[in-house]
């Protein structure tokens, strides 16, 4: 129990910092709602949280399988976006033979906190990582109307991507 409190106290202090106005920050007027995954925290433990110059990067990793993870990047700044999903490129095993892949993709959509986001398959698996899926940098608003820009990256399967996106929530203030 004490070990959990030691881990959670710095996390809570950081989340409080992110979700309040900071008059000394660059813009001074924007609040960044904290998007997180209470379900992944419950299943896998507290995330690793790294402050960035304009927000945060929060990573949940499955302790039983390091090729299953969810990374949330939250920012006050606009994130890049794409008009079309990039082709899926790489190597895939087909009937025991390594085959080069260059496949066109269509956007997939999901709801995060009741708001529609587009996502795509970013990388095929390799020896070092699993399949990687990404959302575009999307503007999302919390229940109070405060907006932030978010990108979510999932290492896992397509079904896990869909499921884990649906678990994301804005932290209550």
N, C-alpha and C. Protein backbone atom coordinates (compact mmCIF):
# COMPACT_ATOMS: atom_id res chain seq x y z
N UNK A 1 0.83 -1.20 0.00
CA UNK A 1 0.00 0.00 0.00
C UNK A 1 0.87 1.26 0.00
N UNK A 2 1.91 1.31 0.85
CA UNK A 2 2.77 2.48 0.91
C UNK A 2 3.53 2.68 -0.39
N UNK A 3 3.91 1.58 -1.04
CA UNK A 3 4.63 1.67 -2.31
C UNK A 3 3.75 2.35 -3.36
N UNK A 4 2.46 1.98 -3.39
CA UNK A 4 1.53 2.60 -4.34
C UNK A 4 1.39 4.10 -4.08
N UNK A 5 1.29 4.47 -2.81
CA UNK A 5 1.14 5.89 -2.48
C UNK A 5 2.37 6.67 -2.92
N UNK A 6 3.55 6.10 -2.78
CA UNK A 6 4.78 6.78 -3.19
C UNK A 6 4.77 7.01 -4.69
N UNK A 7 4.28 6.04 -5.46
CA UNK A 7 4.21 6.17 -6.91
C UNK A 7 3.13 7.18 -7.31
N UNK A 8 1.98 7.13 -6.63
CA UNK A 8 0.86 7.97 -7.03
C UNK A 8 1.02 9.43 -6.63
N UNK A 9 1.71 9.73 -5.54
CA UNK A 9 1.84 11.13 -5.11
C UNK A 9 2.50 12.01 -6.16
N UNK A 10 3.67 11.63 -6.75
CA UNK A 10 4.24 12.48 -7.80
C UNK A 10 3.32 12.58 -9.01
N UNK A 11 2.63 11.47 -9.34
CA UNK A 11 1.70 11.48 -10.48
C UNK A 11 0.56 12.45 -10.22
N UNK A 12 -0.02 12.41 -9.02
CA UNK A 12 -1.11 13.32 -8.70
C UNK A 12 -0.65 14.77 -8.72
N UNK A 13 0.54 15.04 -8.21
CA UNK A 13 1.06 16.41 -8.24
C UNK A 13 1.24 16.88 -9.67
N UNK A 14 1.75 16.00 -10.55
CA UNK A 14 1.93 16.37 -11.95
C UNK A 14 0.60 16.62 -12.63
N UNK A 15 -0.36 15.71 -12.41
CA UNK A 15 -1.68 15.86 -13.05
C UNK A 15 -2.36 17.14 -12.58
N UNK A 16 -2.23 17.46 -11.31
CA UNK A 16 -2.80 18.71 -10.80
C UNK A 16 -2.16 19.90 -11.49
N UNK A 17 -0.84 19.85 -11.68
CA UNK A 17 -0.14 20.92 -12.39
C UNK A 17 -0.65 21.07 -13.82
N UNK A 18 -0.87 19.94 -14.51
CA UNK A 18 -1.33 19.99 -15.90
C UNK A 18 -2.75 20.52 -16.02
N UNK A 19 -3.59 20.23 -15.02
CA UNK A 19 -4.99 20.56 -15.18
C UNK A 19 -5.37 21.91 -14.56
N UNK A 20 -4.40 22.69 -14.14
CA UNK A 20 -4.70 24.01 -13.60
C UNK A 20 -4.03 25.07 -14.45
N UNK A 21 -4.56 26.28 -14.39
CA UNK A 21 -3.91 27.39 -15.08
C UNK A 21 -2.59 27.69 -14.39
N UNK A 22 -1.58 27.92 -15.16
CA UNK A 22 -0.29 28.30 -14.62
C UNK A 22 0.06 29.66 -15.20
N UNK A 23 -0.03 30.74 -14.41
CA UNK A 23 0.21 32.07 -14.96
C UNK A 23 1.64 32.25 -15.45
N UNK A 24 2.54 31.38 -15.05
CA UNK A 24 3.93 31.50 -15.49
C UNK A 24 4.21 30.67 -16.73
N UNK A 25 3.21 29.94 -17.23
CA UNK A 25 3.44 29.14 -18.44
C UNK A 25 3.41 30.05 -19.66
N UNK A 26 3.81 29.52 -20.80
CA UNK A 26 3.92 30.31 -22.02
C UNK A 26 2.68 31.12 -22.33
N UNK A 27 1.51 30.50 -22.40
CA UNK A 27 0.32 31.24 -22.76
C UNK A 27 -0.38 31.81 -21.54
N UNK A 28 -0.31 31.09 -20.40
CA UNK A 28 -0.89 31.59 -19.17
C UNK A 28 -2.40 31.53 -19.12
N UNK A 29 -3.08 31.29 -20.24
CA UNK A 29 -4.52 31.30 -20.22
C UNK A 29 -5.14 29.96 -20.56
N UNK A 30 -4.33 29.00 -20.98
CA UNK A 30 -4.95 27.75 -21.40
C UNK A 30 -4.77 26.68 -20.33
N UNK A 31 -5.83 25.93 -20.10
CA UNK A 31 -5.73 24.77 -19.24
C UNK A 31 -5.66 23.56 -20.15
N UNK A 32 -4.91 22.57 -19.73
CA UNK A 32 -4.80 21.36 -20.51
C UNK A 32 -5.50 20.24 -19.75
N UNK A 33 -6.67 19.84 -20.20
CA UNK A 33 -7.33 18.71 -19.54
C UNK A 33 -6.47 17.46 -19.67
N UNK A 34 -6.42 16.66 -18.61
CA UNK A 34 -5.58 15.47 -18.60
C UNK A 34 -6.42 14.27 -19.06
N UNK A 35 -6.02 13.71 -20.19
CA UNK A 35 -6.65 12.51 -20.74
C UNK A 35 -5.84 11.32 -20.22
N UNK A 36 -6.51 10.33 -19.65
CA UNK A 36 -5.81 9.18 -19.10
C UNK A 36 -6.65 7.92 -19.28
N UNK A 37 -6.10 6.80 -18.84
CA UNK A 37 -6.81 5.53 -18.93
C UNK A 37 -6.88 4.86 -17.57
N UNK A 38 -7.92 5.16 -16.80
CA UNK A 38 -8.07 4.49 -15.50
C UNK A 38 -8.12 2.97 -15.63
N UNK A 39 -8.68 2.46 -16.72
CA UNK A 39 -8.77 1.01 -16.91
C UNK A 39 -7.39 0.38 -17.11
N UNK A 40 -6.52 1.04 -17.88
CA UNK A 40 -5.15 0.51 -18.06
C UNK A 40 -4.38 0.61 -16.75
N UNK A 41 -4.58 1.70 -16.01
CA UNK A 41 -3.89 1.85 -14.72
C UNK A 41 -4.32 0.74 -13.76
N UNK A 42 -5.59 0.42 -13.77
CA UNK A 42 -6.10 -0.65 -12.89
C UNK A 42 -5.51 -2.00 -13.30
N UNK A 43 -5.44 -2.25 -14.60
CA UNK A 43 -4.95 -3.54 -15.10
C UNK A 43 -3.43 -3.66 -15.04
N UNK A 44 -2.70 -2.56 -15.33
CA UNK A 44 -1.26 -2.63 -15.50
C UNK A 44 -0.45 -1.84 -14.48
N UNK A 45 -1.10 -0.99 -13.72
CA UNK A 45 -0.37 -0.15 -12.77
C UNK A 45 -0.25 1.28 -13.27
N UNK A 46 0.31 2.11 -12.43
CA UNK A 46 0.44 3.54 -12.73
C UNK A 46 1.27 3.75 -14.00
N UNK A 47 0.89 4.76 -14.79
CA UNK A 47 1.66 5.04 -16.01
C UNK A 47 2.96 5.77 -15.70
N UNK A 48 3.85 5.75 -16.67
CA UNK A 48 5.05 6.60 -16.61
C UNK A 48 4.61 7.94 -17.19
N UNK A 49 4.84 9.03 -16.47
CA UNK A 49 4.42 10.35 -16.92
C UNK A 49 5.66 11.23 -17.07
N UNK A 50 5.79 11.84 -18.25
CA UNK A 50 6.90 12.73 -18.53
C UNK A 50 6.34 14.09 -18.94
N UNK A 51 6.64 15.16 -18.18
CA UNK A 51 6.20 16.49 -18.60
C UNK A 51 6.92 16.90 -19.88
N UNK A 52 6.22 17.62 -20.74
CA UNK A 52 6.83 18.19 -21.95
C UNK A 52 6.68 19.70 -21.86
N UNK A 53 7.28 20.42 -22.79
CA UNK A 53 7.24 21.89 -22.70
C UNK A 53 5.82 22.45 -22.82
N UNK A 54 4.92 21.71 -23.45
CA UNK A 54 3.56 22.22 -23.63
C UNK A 54 2.49 21.22 -23.18
N UNK A 55 2.87 20.23 -22.35
CA UNK A 55 1.88 19.25 -21.91
C UNK A 55 2.52 18.07 -21.20
N UNK A 56 2.19 16.88 -21.67
CA UNK A 56 2.69 15.67 -21.02
C UNK A 56 2.68 14.49 -21.99
N UNK A 57 3.42 13.47 -21.61
CA UNK A 57 3.41 12.18 -22.30
C UNK A 57 3.23 11.12 -21.22
N UNK A 58 2.17 10.32 -21.35
CA UNK A 58 1.80 9.33 -20.35
C UNK A 58 1.81 7.95 -21.02
N UNK A 59 2.57 6.99 -20.47
CA UNK A 59 2.67 5.67 -21.08
C UNK A 59 2.29 4.59 -20.08
N UNK A 60 1.33 3.78 -20.48
CA UNK A 60 0.92 2.60 -19.73
C UNK A 60 1.53 1.39 -20.44
N UNK A 61 2.20 0.50 -19.70
CA UNK A 61 2.83 -0.67 -20.28
C UNK A 61 2.37 -1.92 -19.53
N UNK A 62 1.98 -2.94 -20.27
CA UNK A 62 1.58 -4.21 -19.68
C UNK A 62 2.83 -4.86 -19.07
N UNK A 63 2.85 -5.08 -17.75
CA UNK A 63 4.05 -5.67 -17.14
C UNK A 63 4.30 -7.10 -17.59
N UNK A 64 3.29 -7.79 -18.10
CA UNK A 64 3.45 -9.17 -18.56
C UNK A 64 3.84 -9.25 -20.04
N UNK A 65 3.72 -8.13 -20.77
CA UNK A 65 4.03 -8.12 -22.21
C UNK A 65 4.38 -6.70 -22.62
N UNK A 66 5.68 -6.40 -22.76
CA UNK A 66 6.09 -5.03 -23.07
C UNK A 66 5.76 -4.62 -24.51
N UNK A 67 5.14 -5.50 -25.29
CA UNK A 67 4.67 -5.14 -26.63
C UNK A 67 3.18 -4.80 -26.61
N UNK A 68 2.67 -4.49 -25.41
CA UNK A 68 1.32 -3.96 -25.25
C UNK A 68 1.45 -2.69 -24.42
N UNK A 69 1.17 -1.56 -25.07
CA UNK A 69 1.29 -0.29 -24.37
C UNK A 69 0.35 0.74 -24.99
N UNK A 70 0.02 1.75 -24.18
CA UNK A 70 -0.78 2.89 -24.62
C UNK A 70 -0.02 4.14 -24.23
N UNK A 71 0.23 5.02 -25.21
CA UNK A 71 0.91 6.28 -24.94
C UNK A 71 -0.01 7.43 -25.33
N UNK A 72 -0.24 8.32 -24.39
CA UNK A 72 -1.07 9.50 -24.62
C UNK A 72 -0.15 10.71 -24.57
N UNK A 73 -0.16 11.50 -25.64
CA UNK A 73 0.57 12.76 -25.65
C UNK A 73 -0.46 13.87 -25.64
N UNK A 74 -0.42 14.71 -24.61
CA UNK A 74 -1.33 15.84 -24.49
C UNK A 74 -0.55 17.13 -24.64
N UNK A 75 -1.12 18.09 -25.37
CA UNK A 75 -0.41 19.34 -25.65
C UNK A 75 -1.38 20.51 -25.72
N UNK A 76 -0.89 21.67 -25.37
CA UNK A 76 -1.66 22.90 -25.58
C UNK A 76 -1.54 23.37 -27.02
N UNK A 77 -0.51 22.86 -27.72
CA UNK A 77 -0.22 23.28 -29.09
C UNK A 77 -0.88 22.36 -30.12
N UNK A 78 -1.20 22.91 -31.27
CA UNK A 78 -1.74 22.14 -32.38
C UNK A 78 -0.74 21.08 -32.81
N UNK A 79 -1.21 19.86 -33.05
CA UNK A 79 -0.34 18.77 -33.50
C UNK A 79 -0.53 18.56 -35.00
N UNK A 80 0.50 17.98 -35.64
CA UNK A 80 0.41 17.76 -37.08
C UNK A 80 -0.75 16.82 -37.39
N UNK A 81 -1.25 16.93 -38.58
CA UNK A 81 -2.31 16.03 -39.02
C UNK A 81 -2.05 15.66 -40.47
N UNK A 82 -2.72 14.65 -40.92
CA UNK A 82 -2.57 14.16 -42.29
C UNK A 82 -3.92 14.25 -42.99
N UNK A 83 -3.90 14.53 -44.30
CA UNK A 83 -5.15 14.52 -45.05
C UNK A 83 -5.57 13.10 -45.40
N UNK A 84 -4.58 12.24 -45.63
CA UNK A 84 -4.84 10.84 -45.97
C UNK A 84 -3.95 9.97 -45.10
N UNK A 85 -4.42 8.79 -44.74
CA UNK A 85 -3.55 7.91 -43.95
C UNK A 85 -2.38 7.45 -44.81
N UNK A 86 -1.20 7.34 -44.24
CA UNK A 86 -0.04 6.89 -45.02
C UNK A 86 -0.18 5.42 -45.39
N UNK A 87 0.48 5.03 -46.47
CA UNK A 87 0.51 3.62 -46.83
C UNK A 87 1.19 2.85 -45.71
N UNK A 88 0.72 1.64 -45.47
CA UNK A 88 1.34 0.74 -44.51
C UNK A 88 2.49 0.05 -45.22
N UNK A 89 3.71 0.31 -44.75
CA UNK A 89 4.91 -0.25 -45.39
C UNK A 89 5.66 -1.11 -44.40
N UNK A 90 6.35 -2.10 -44.93
CA UNK A 90 7.16 -2.96 -44.08
C UNK A 90 7.24 -4.36 -44.66
N UNK A 91 7.49 -5.31 -43.77
CA UNK A 91 7.61 -6.71 -44.17
C UNK A 91 6.64 -7.53 -43.35
N UNK A 92 5.93 -8.42 -44.02
CA UNK A 92 4.96 -9.29 -43.39
C UNK A 92 5.28 -10.73 -43.80
N UNK A 93 5.11 -11.66 -42.87
CA UNK A 93 5.32 -13.07 -43.20
C UNK A 93 4.05 -13.60 -43.87
N UNK A 94 4.21 -14.11 -45.10
CA UNK A 94 3.10 -14.70 -45.84
C UNK A 94 3.52 -16.12 -46.22
N UNK A 95 2.82 -17.11 -45.66
CA UNK A 95 3.12 -18.52 -45.92
C UNK A 95 4.61 -18.83 -45.70
N UNK A 96 5.17 -18.29 -44.61
CA UNK A 96 6.56 -18.57 -44.26
C UNK A 96 7.60 -17.76 -45.00
N UNK A 97 7.16 -16.83 -45.86
CA UNK A 97 8.09 -16.02 -46.64
C UNK A 97 7.93 -14.55 -46.27
N UNK A 98 9.06 -13.87 -46.03
CA UNK A 98 9.02 -12.43 -45.76
C UNK A 98 8.65 -11.71 -47.05
N UNK A 99 7.54 -10.95 -46.99
CA UNK A 99 7.02 -10.26 -48.16
C UNK A 99 6.94 -8.77 -47.89
N UNK A 100 7.45 -7.96 -48.81
CA UNK A 100 7.37 -6.50 -48.68
C UNK A 100 5.91 -6.07 -48.82
N UNK A 101 5.53 -5.10 -47.99
CA UNK A 101 4.15 -4.59 -47.98
C UNK A 101 4.18 -3.10 -48.27
N UNK A 102 3.28 -2.65 -49.13
CA UNK A 102 3.06 -1.23 -49.37
C UNK A 102 1.57 -1.10 -49.70
N UNK A 103 0.74 -1.02 -48.64
CA UNK A 103 -0.72 -1.06 -48.79
C UNK A 103 -1.35 0.29 -48.48
N UNK A 104 -2.26 0.71 -49.34
CA UNK A 104 -3.04 1.91 -49.07
C UNK A 104 -3.98 1.60 -47.90
N UNK A 105 -4.31 2.64 -47.13
CA UNK A 105 -5.20 2.47 -45.98
C UNK A 105 -6.35 3.46 -46.05
N UNK A 106 -7.40 3.13 -45.36
CA UNK A 106 -8.51 4.06 -45.13
C UNK A 106 -8.47 4.44 -43.66
N UNK A 107 -8.97 5.65 -43.35
CA UNK A 107 -9.06 6.05 -41.95
C UNK A 107 -9.98 5.11 -41.21
N UNK A 108 -9.66 4.85 -39.98
CA UNK A 108 -10.56 4.17 -39.06
C UNK A 108 -10.98 5.25 -38.06
N UNK A 109 -12.13 5.11 -37.46
CA UNK A 109 -12.58 6.11 -36.49
C UNK A 109 -12.94 5.43 -35.17
N UNK A 110 -12.85 6.21 -34.12
CA UNK A 110 -13.20 5.74 -32.79
C UNK A 110 -13.69 6.94 -31.99
N UNK A 111 -14.32 6.66 -30.86
CA UNK A 111 -14.75 7.72 -29.96
C UNK A 111 -13.83 7.74 -28.74
N UNK A 112 -13.36 8.94 -28.42
CA UNK A 112 -12.61 9.17 -27.18
C UNK A 112 -13.40 10.22 -26.41
N UNK A 113 -13.85 9.85 -25.23
CA UNK A 113 -14.64 10.75 -24.39
C UNK A 113 -15.80 11.34 -25.20
N UNK A 114 -16.44 10.49 -26.03
CA UNK A 114 -17.60 10.90 -26.82
C UNK A 114 -17.27 11.72 -28.06
N UNK A 115 -16.00 11.87 -28.41
CA UNK A 115 -15.58 12.68 -29.55
C UNK A 115 -14.87 11.81 -30.59
N UNK A 116 -15.22 12.02 -31.84
CA UNK A 116 -14.71 11.19 -32.93
C UNK A 116 -13.26 11.55 -33.27
N UNK A 117 -12.42 10.52 -33.38
CA UNK A 117 -11.03 10.70 -33.80
C UNK A 117 -10.71 9.71 -34.92
N UNK A 118 -9.76 10.09 -35.76
CA UNK A 118 -9.30 9.21 -36.84
C UNK A 118 -8.01 8.54 -36.40
N UNK A 119 -7.85 7.26 -36.83
CA UNK A 119 -6.62 6.55 -36.52
C UNK A 119 -6.23 5.66 -37.68
N UNK A 120 -4.97 5.19 -37.65
CA UNK A 120 -4.44 4.38 -38.73
C UNK A 120 -3.39 3.41 -38.19
N UNK A 121 -3.04 2.44 -39.00
CA UNK A 121 -2.00 1.45 -38.67
C UNK A 121 -0.67 2.09 -39.06
N UNK A 122 0.17 2.40 -38.09
CA UNK A 122 1.41 3.14 -38.36
C UNK A 122 2.59 2.23 -38.71
N UNK A 123 2.71 1.07 -38.03
CA UNK A 123 3.86 0.18 -38.27
C UNK A 123 3.45 -1.27 -38.11
N UNK A 124 3.98 -2.12 -38.98
CA UNK A 124 3.84 -3.56 -38.81
C UNK A 124 4.76 -4.01 -37.69
N UNK A 125 4.49 -5.16 -37.09
CA UNK A 125 5.35 -5.62 -35.99
C UNK A 125 6.74 -6.00 -36.48
N UNK A 126 7.69 -5.96 -35.54
CA UNK A 126 9.06 -6.38 -35.82
C UNK A 126 9.54 -7.18 -34.62
N UNK A 127 10.80 -7.53 -34.61
CA UNK A 127 11.36 -8.24 -33.46
C UNK A 127 11.38 -7.35 -32.22
N UNK A 128 11.42 -6.03 -32.41
CA UNK A 128 11.55 -5.09 -31.30
C UNK A 128 10.23 -4.52 -30.78
N UNK A 129 9.18 -4.56 -31.60
CA UNK A 129 7.90 -3.99 -31.18
C UNK A 129 6.76 -4.68 -31.89
N UNK A 130 5.56 -4.49 -31.36
CA UNK A 130 4.36 -5.07 -31.97
C UNK A 130 3.77 -4.13 -33.01
N UNK A 131 2.56 -4.45 -33.48
CA UNK A 131 1.84 -3.52 -34.36
C UNK A 131 1.69 -2.20 -33.64
N UNK A 132 1.83 -1.09 -34.38
CA UNK A 132 1.65 0.23 -33.79
C UNK A 132 0.55 0.95 -34.56
N UNK A 133 -0.41 1.47 -33.80
CA UNK A 133 -1.53 2.23 -34.35
C UNK A 133 -1.48 3.62 -33.74
N UNK A 134 -1.89 4.65 -34.51
CA UNK A 134 -1.86 6.03 -34.02
C UNK A 134 -3.13 6.78 -34.40
N UNK A 135 -3.50 7.69 -33.51
CA UNK A 135 -4.53 8.66 -33.88
C UNK A 135 -3.83 9.86 -34.48
N UNK A 136 -4.59 10.67 -35.17
CA UNK A 136 -4.08 11.97 -35.58
C UNK A 136 -4.00 12.84 -34.33
N UNK A 137 -3.28 13.94 -34.40
CA UNK A 137 -3.31 14.92 -33.33
C UNK A 137 -4.68 15.59 -33.37
N UNK A 138 -5.54 15.26 -32.42
CA UNK A 138 -6.93 15.73 -32.45
C UNK A 138 -7.21 16.67 -31.28
N UNK A 139 -8.00 17.70 -31.55
CA UNK A 139 -8.45 18.56 -30.46
C UNK A 139 -9.63 17.88 -29.79
N UNK A 140 -9.54 17.72 -28.48
CA UNK A 140 -10.61 17.14 -27.69
C UNK A 140 -10.93 18.07 -26.53
N UNK A 141 -12.19 18.06 -26.09
CA UNK A 141 -12.62 18.92 -24.99
C UNK A 141 -13.12 18.07 -23.84
N UNK A 142 -12.80 18.55 -22.62
CA UNK A 142 -13.33 17.87 -21.44
C UNK A 142 -14.76 18.34 -21.20
N UNK A 143 -15.40 17.84 -20.16
CA UNK A 143 -16.79 18.18 -19.86
C UNK A 143 -17.03 19.65 -19.60
N UNK A 144 -16.00 20.38 -19.17
CA UNK A 144 -16.12 21.82 -18.89
C UNK A 144 -15.85 22.67 -20.13
N UNK A 145 -15.50 22.03 -21.25
CA UNK A 145 -15.24 22.76 -22.49
C UNK A 145 -13.79 23.17 -22.68
N UNK A 146 -12.90 22.78 -21.77
CA UNK A 146 -11.47 23.07 -21.93
C UNK A 146 -10.89 22.14 -22.99
N UNK A 147 -10.12 22.70 -23.91
CA UNK A 147 -9.61 21.91 -25.04
C UNK A 147 -8.11 21.68 -24.91
N UNK A 148 -7.69 20.58 -25.49
CA UNK A 148 -6.28 20.25 -25.62
C UNK A 148 -6.11 19.47 -26.91
N UNK A 149 -4.87 19.21 -27.28
CA UNK A 149 -4.57 18.44 -28.49
C UNK A 149 -3.91 17.14 -28.04
N UNK A 150 -4.36 16.02 -28.61
CA UNK A 150 -3.94 14.72 -28.13
C UNK A 150 -3.60 13.79 -29.29
N UNK A 151 -2.58 12.97 -29.06
CA UNK A 151 -2.24 11.89 -29.98
C UNK A 151 -2.10 10.64 -29.13
N UNK A 152 -2.72 9.57 -29.56
CA UNK A 152 -2.64 8.31 -28.83
C UNK A 152 -1.95 7.29 -29.73
N UNK A 153 -1.01 6.58 -29.15
CA UNK A 153 -0.32 5.51 -29.87
C UNK A 153 -0.52 4.23 -29.07
N UNK A 154 -0.92 3.18 -29.78
CA UNK A 154 -1.13 1.88 -29.15
C UNK A 154 -0.22 0.86 -29.81
N UNK A 155 0.50 0.12 -28.99
CA UNK A 155 1.25 -1.03 -29.47
C UNK A 155 0.45 -2.24 -29.03
N UNK A 156 -0.04 -3.00 -30.01
CA UNK A 156 -0.89 -4.15 -29.72
C UNK A 156 -1.60 -4.57 -30.99
N UNK A 157 -2.85 -5.01 -30.84
CA UNK A 157 -3.64 -5.45 -31.99
C UNK A 157 -4.67 -4.37 -32.35
N UNK A 158 -5.27 -4.54 -33.52
CA UNK A 158 -6.32 -3.61 -33.96
C UNK A 158 -7.48 -3.61 -32.95
N UNK A 159 -7.87 -4.78 -32.46
CA UNK A 159 -8.96 -4.85 -31.49
C UNK A 159 -8.59 -4.18 -30.18
N UNK A 160 -7.33 -4.33 -29.76
CA UNK A 160 -6.88 -3.64 -28.55
C UNK A 160 -6.92 -2.14 -28.76
N UNK A 161 -6.51 -1.66 -29.93
CA UNK A 161 -6.55 -0.23 -30.22
C UNK A 161 -7.97 0.30 -30.02
N UNK A 162 -8.93 -0.37 -30.63
CA UNK A 162 -10.32 0.08 -30.53
C UNK A 162 -10.81 0.05 -29.08
N UNK A 163 -10.48 -1.01 -28.37
CA UNK A 163 -10.92 -1.14 -26.99
C UNK A 163 -10.26 -0.11 -26.08
N UNK A 164 -8.94 0.03 -26.20
CA UNK A 164 -8.22 0.93 -25.31
C UNK A 164 -8.54 2.39 -25.57
N UNK A 165 -8.84 2.76 -26.82
CA UNK A 165 -9.27 4.14 -27.09
C UNK A 165 -10.59 4.42 -26.37
N UNK A 166 -11.49 3.46 -26.37
CA UNK A 166 -12.80 3.67 -25.74
C UNK A 166 -12.69 3.81 -24.22
N UNK A 167 -11.58 3.39 -23.63
CA UNK A 167 -11.39 3.49 -22.18
C UNK A 167 -10.87 4.85 -21.72
N UNK A 168 -10.40 5.67 -22.64
CA UNK A 168 -9.79 6.94 -22.25
C UNK A 168 -10.82 7.91 -21.68
N UNK A 169 -10.41 8.62 -20.64
CA UNK A 169 -11.28 9.56 -19.93
C UNK A 169 -10.50 10.81 -19.56
N UNK A 170 -11.22 11.92 -19.43
CA UNK A 170 -10.61 13.13 -18.87
C UNK A 170 -10.68 13.03 -17.35
N UNK A 171 -9.57 13.36 -16.71
CA UNK A 171 -9.53 13.32 -15.25
C UNK A 171 -10.43 14.40 -14.69
N UNK A 172 -11.21 14.05 -13.68
CA UNK A 172 -12.04 15.09 -13.03
C UNK A 172 -11.13 16.04 -12.26
N UNK A 173 -11.57 17.27 -12.17
CA UNK A 173 -10.73 18.28 -11.46
C UNK A 173 -10.94 18.19 -9.99
